[in-house]
Amino acid sequence: MAVTNKYIVWLHGEIKTPPFGAESRLKAGFLMRRLQQGEHLEMPDSRPMPSIGKNCHELRINDANKIWRIVYYIDSEAIVILEVFLKKTQQTPKEVIDQCKKRLSRYKQFTGD
């Protein structure tokens, strides 16, 4: 059985070393590859983000002394990266949520979703 891979569409952010540590960058790439192959990730690697929209989630990447988040949307043909940020507080900042909502809305307008 052939595996159909979804595209990764980057609307914002990047994953590179630095600022990511090498190990956390590799973990992020590994998790994103699993998403591309259609796997649905759960805690502790990913959690739903209904405050942004349906099919929105965040990858949870722990670095040596930092916590990274990658907010993504699962489309029928793509994994859409809405934001990559360094988490500094317990809650996701309102500015991040609002910006992700705007990016998702523009993406859906562009794709006709």
C-alpha atoms as a PDB file:
ATOM      1  CA  MET A   1       0.000   0.000   0.000  1.00  0.00           C
ATOM      2  CA  ALA A   2       1.472   3.347  -1.042  1.00  0.00           C
ATOM      3  CA  VAL A   3       1.634   6.147   1.482  1.00  0.00           C
ATOM      4  CA  THR A   4       0.196   9.444   0.275  1.00  0.00           C
ATOM      5  CA  ASN A   5       2.079  12.352   1.761  1.00  0.00           C
ATOM      6  CA  LYS A   6       0.459  15.682   2.466  1.00  0.00           C
ATOM      7  CA  TYR A   7       2.241  18.879   1.522  1.00  0.00           C
ATOM      8  CA  ILE A   8       3.566  21.174   4.205  1.00  0.00           C
ATOM      9  CA  VAL A   9       2.482  24.779   3.634  1.00  0.00           C
ATOM     10  CA  TRP A  10       4.412  27.366   5.658  1.00  0.00           C
ATOM     11  CA  LEU A  11       2.403  30.498   6.362  1.00  0.00           C
ATOM     12  CA  HIS A  12       4.710  31.694   9.119  1.00  0.00           C
ATOM     13  CA  GLY A  13       7.788  30.668  11.071  1.00  0.00           C
ATOM     14  CA  GLU A  14      10.612  28.255  10.502  1.00  0.00           C
ATOM     15  CA  ILE A  15      12.414  25.459  12.271  1.00  0.00           C
ATOM     16  CA  LYS A  16      16.162  25.803  12.206  1.00  0.00           C
ATOM     17  CA  THR A  17      19.168  25.571  14.490  1.00  0.00           C
ATOM     18  CA  PRO A  18      19.584  28.030  16.134  1.00  0.00           C
ATOM     19  CA  PRO A  19      17.252  29.000  17.761  1.00  0.00           C
ATOM     20  CA  PHE A  20      16.023  25.394  18.002  1.00  0.00           C
ATOM     21  CA  GLY A  21      18.510  22.969  19.483  1.00  0.00           C
ATOM     22  CA  ALA A  22      19.581  20.229  17.063  1.00  0.00           C
ATOM     23  CA  GLU A  23      17.670  17.502  18.923  1.00  0.00           C
ATOM     24  CA  SER A  24      14.441  19.492  19.155  1.00  0.00           C
ATOM     25  CA  ARG A  25      14.671  20.468  15.462  1.00  0.00           C
ATOM     26  CA  LEU A  26      14.973  16.788  14.555  1.00  0.00           C
ATOM     27  CA  LYS A  27      12.023  15.905  16.794  1.00  0.00           C
ATOM     28  CA  ALA A  28       9.918  18.614  15.142  1.00  0.00           C
ATOM     29  CA  GLY A  29      10.828  17.269  11.701  1.00  0.00           C
ATOM     30  CA  PHE A  30      10.025  13.708  12.752  1.00  0.00           C
ATOM     31  CA  LEU A  31       6.600  14.695  14.120  1.00  0.00           C
ATOM     32  CA  MET A  32       5.797  16.762  11.037  1.00  0.00           C
ATOM     33  CA  ARG A  33       6.711  13.807   8.831  1.00  0.00           C
ATOM     34  CA  ARG A  34       4.240  11.653  10.762  1.00  0.00           C
ATOM     35  CA  LEU A  35       1.575  14.316  10.184  1.00  0.00           C
ATOM     36  CA  GLN A  36       2.370  14.345   6.463  1.00  0.00           C
ATOM     37  CA  GLN A  37       1.767  10.606   6.356  1.00  0.00           C
ATOM     38  CA  GLY A  38      -1.718  11.085   7.813  1.00  0.00           C
ATOM     39  CA  GLU A  39      -1.041  10.105  11.406  1.00  0.00           C
ATOM     40  CA  HIS A  40      -3.083  11.871  14.074  1.00  0.00           C
ATOM     41  CA  LEU A  41      -0.809  12.846  16.946  1.00  0.00           C
ATOM     42  CA  GLU A  42      -2.005  13.105  20.521  1.00  0.00           C
ATOM     43  CA  MET A  43      -0.648  14.280  23.864  1.00  0.00           C
ATOM     44  CA  PRO A  44       2.102  14.749  24.826  1.00  0.00           C
ATOM     45  CA  ASP A  45       3.297  15.493  21.265  1.00  0.00           C
ATOM     46  CA  SER A  46       0.283  17.439  20.048  1.00  0.00           C
ATOM     47  CA  ARG A  47      -2.917  18.906  21.399  1.00  0.00           C
ATOM     48  CA  PRO A  48      -6.018  20.348  19.736  1.00  0.00           C
ATOM     49  CA  MET A  49      -6.386  24.126  19.522  1.00  0.00           C
ATOM     50  CA  PRO A  50     -10.159  24.663  19.065  1.00  0.00           C
ATOM     51  CA  SER A  51      -9.671  28.296  20.118  1.00  0.00           C
ATOM     52  CA  ILE A  52      -8.072  28.810  16.676  1.00  0.00           C
ATOM     53  CA  GLY A  53     -10.343  26.585  14.629  1.00  0.00           C
ATOM     54  CA  LYS A  54     -11.453  23.101  13.696  1.00  0.00           C
ATOM     55  CA  ASN A  55      -8.536  20.796  12.795  1.00  0.00           C
ATOM     56  CA  CYS A  56      -6.025  23.150  14.430  1.00  0.00           C
ATOM     57  CA  HIS A  57      -3.406  21.733  16.774  1.00  0.00           C
ATOM     58  CA  GLU A  58      -0.060  22.574  18.300  1.00  0.00           C
ATOM     59  CA  LEU A  59       3.050  20.450  18.308  1.00  0.00           C
ATOM     60  CA  ARG A  60       4.788  20.534  21.664  1.00  0.00           C
ATOM     61  CA  ILE A  61       8.572  20.496  21.377  1.00  0.00           C
ATOM     62  CA  ASN A  62      10.705  20.636  24.503  1.00  0.00           C
ATOM     63  CA  ASP A  63      14.217  21.951  24.018  1.00  0.00           C
ATOM     64  CA  ALA A  64      16.983  21.887  26.648  1.00  0.00           C
ATOM     65  CA  ASN A  65      15.590  24.874  28.563  1.00  0.00           C
ATOM     66  CA  LYS A  66      12.947  26.155  26.139  1.00  0.00           C
ATOM     67  CA  ILE A  67       9.480  25.092  25.085  1.00  0.00           C
ATOM     68  CA  TRP A  68       8.572  25.502  21.401  1.00  0.00           C
ATOM     69  CA  ARG A  69       5.116  25.354  19.872  1.00  0.00           C
ATOM     70  CA  ILE A  70       4.230  24.828  16.225  1.00  0.00           C
ATOM     71  CA  VAL A  71       0.602  25.670  15.483  1.00  0.00           C
ATOM     72  CA  TYR A  72      -0.759  23.791  12.486  1.00  0.00           C
ATOM     73  CA  TYR A  73      -3.980  23.162  10.598  1.00  0.00           C
ATOM     74  CA  ILE A  74      -4.793  19.802   9.012  1.00  0.00           C
ATOM     75  CA  ASP A  75      -6.208  20.326   5.534  1.00  0.00           C
ATOM     76  CA  SER A  76      -7.333  17.504   3.258  1.00  0.00           C
ATOM     77  CA  GLU A  77      -4.126  17.767   1.212  1.00  0.00           C
ATOM     78  CA  ALA A  78      -1.718  19.705   3.419  1.00  0.00           C
ATOM     79  CA  ILE A  79      -0.378  20.413   6.872  1.00  0.00           C
ATOM     80  CA  VAL A  80      -0.509  24.203   7.164  1.00  0.00           C
ATOM     81  CA  ILE A  81       1.974  25.816   9.571  1.00  0.00           C
ATOM     82  CA  LEU A  82       0.335  28.878  11.101  1.00  0.00           C
ATOM     83  CA  GLU A  83       2.961  29.835  13.704  1.00  0.00           C
ATOM     84  CA  VAL A  84       6.197  28.724  15.349  1.00  0.00           C
ATOM     85  CA  PHE A  85       6.910  30.348  18.694  1.00  0.00           C
ATOM     86  CA  LEU A  86       8.797  30.055  21.941  1.00  0.00           C
ATOM     87  CA  LYS A  87       6.320  29.448  24.736  1.00  0.00           C
ATOM     88  CA  LYS A  88       7.009  31.610  27.778  1.00  0.00           C
ATOM     89  CA  THR A  89       3.723  31.401  29.679  1.00  0.00           C
ATOM     90  CA  GLN A  90       1.283  28.676  30.696  1.00  0.00           C
ATOM     91  CA  GLN A  91      -1.378  29.863  28.245  1.00  0.00           C
ATOM     92  CA  THR A  92      -0.939  30.505  24.544  1.00  0.00           C
ATOM     93  CA  PRO A  93      -0.762  34.298  24.169  1.00  0.00           C
ATOM     94  CA  LYS A  94      -3.913  35.925  22.775  1.00  0.00           C
ATOM     95  CA  GLU A  95      -1.812  37.651  20.087  1.00  0.00           C
ATOM     96  CA  VAL A  96      -0.638  34.252  18.809  1.00  0.00           C
ATOM     97  CA  ILE A  97      -4.186  32.880  18.718  1.00  0.00           C
ATOM     98  CA  ASP A  98      -5.494  35.979  16.922  1.00  0.00           C
ATOM     99  CA  GLN A  99      -2.666  35.908  14.362  1.00  0.00           C
ATOM    100  CA  CYS A 100      -3.235  32.196  13.696  1.00  0.00           C
ATOM    101  CA  LYS A 101      -6.960  32.814  13.159  1.00  0.00           C
ATOM    102  CA  LYS A 102      -6.157  35.531  10.596  1.00  0.00           C
ATOM    103  CA  ARG A 103      -3.656  33.344   8.755  1.00  0.00           C
ATOM    104  CA  LEU A 104      -6.081  30.421   8.711  1.00  0.00           C
ATOM    105  CA  SER A 105      -8.869  32.636   7.395  1.00  0.00           C
ATOM    106  CA  ARG A 106      -6.642  33.951   4.574  1.00  0.00           C
ATOM    107  CA  TYR A 107      -5.537  30.411   3.738  1.00  0.00           C
ATOM    108  CA  LYS A 108      -9.138  29.208   3.522  1.00  0.00           C
ATOM    109  CA  GLN A 109     -10.106  32.198   1.343  1.00  0.00           C
ATOM    110  CA  PHE A 110      -7.200  31.438  -0.983  1.00  0.00           C
ATOM    111  CA  THR A 111      -7.987  27.708  -1.242  1.00  0.00           C
ATOM    112  CA  GLY A 112     -11.757  28.125  -1.337  1.00  0.00           C
ATOM    113  CA  ASP A 113     -12.103  25.889   1.722  1.00  0.00           C
END
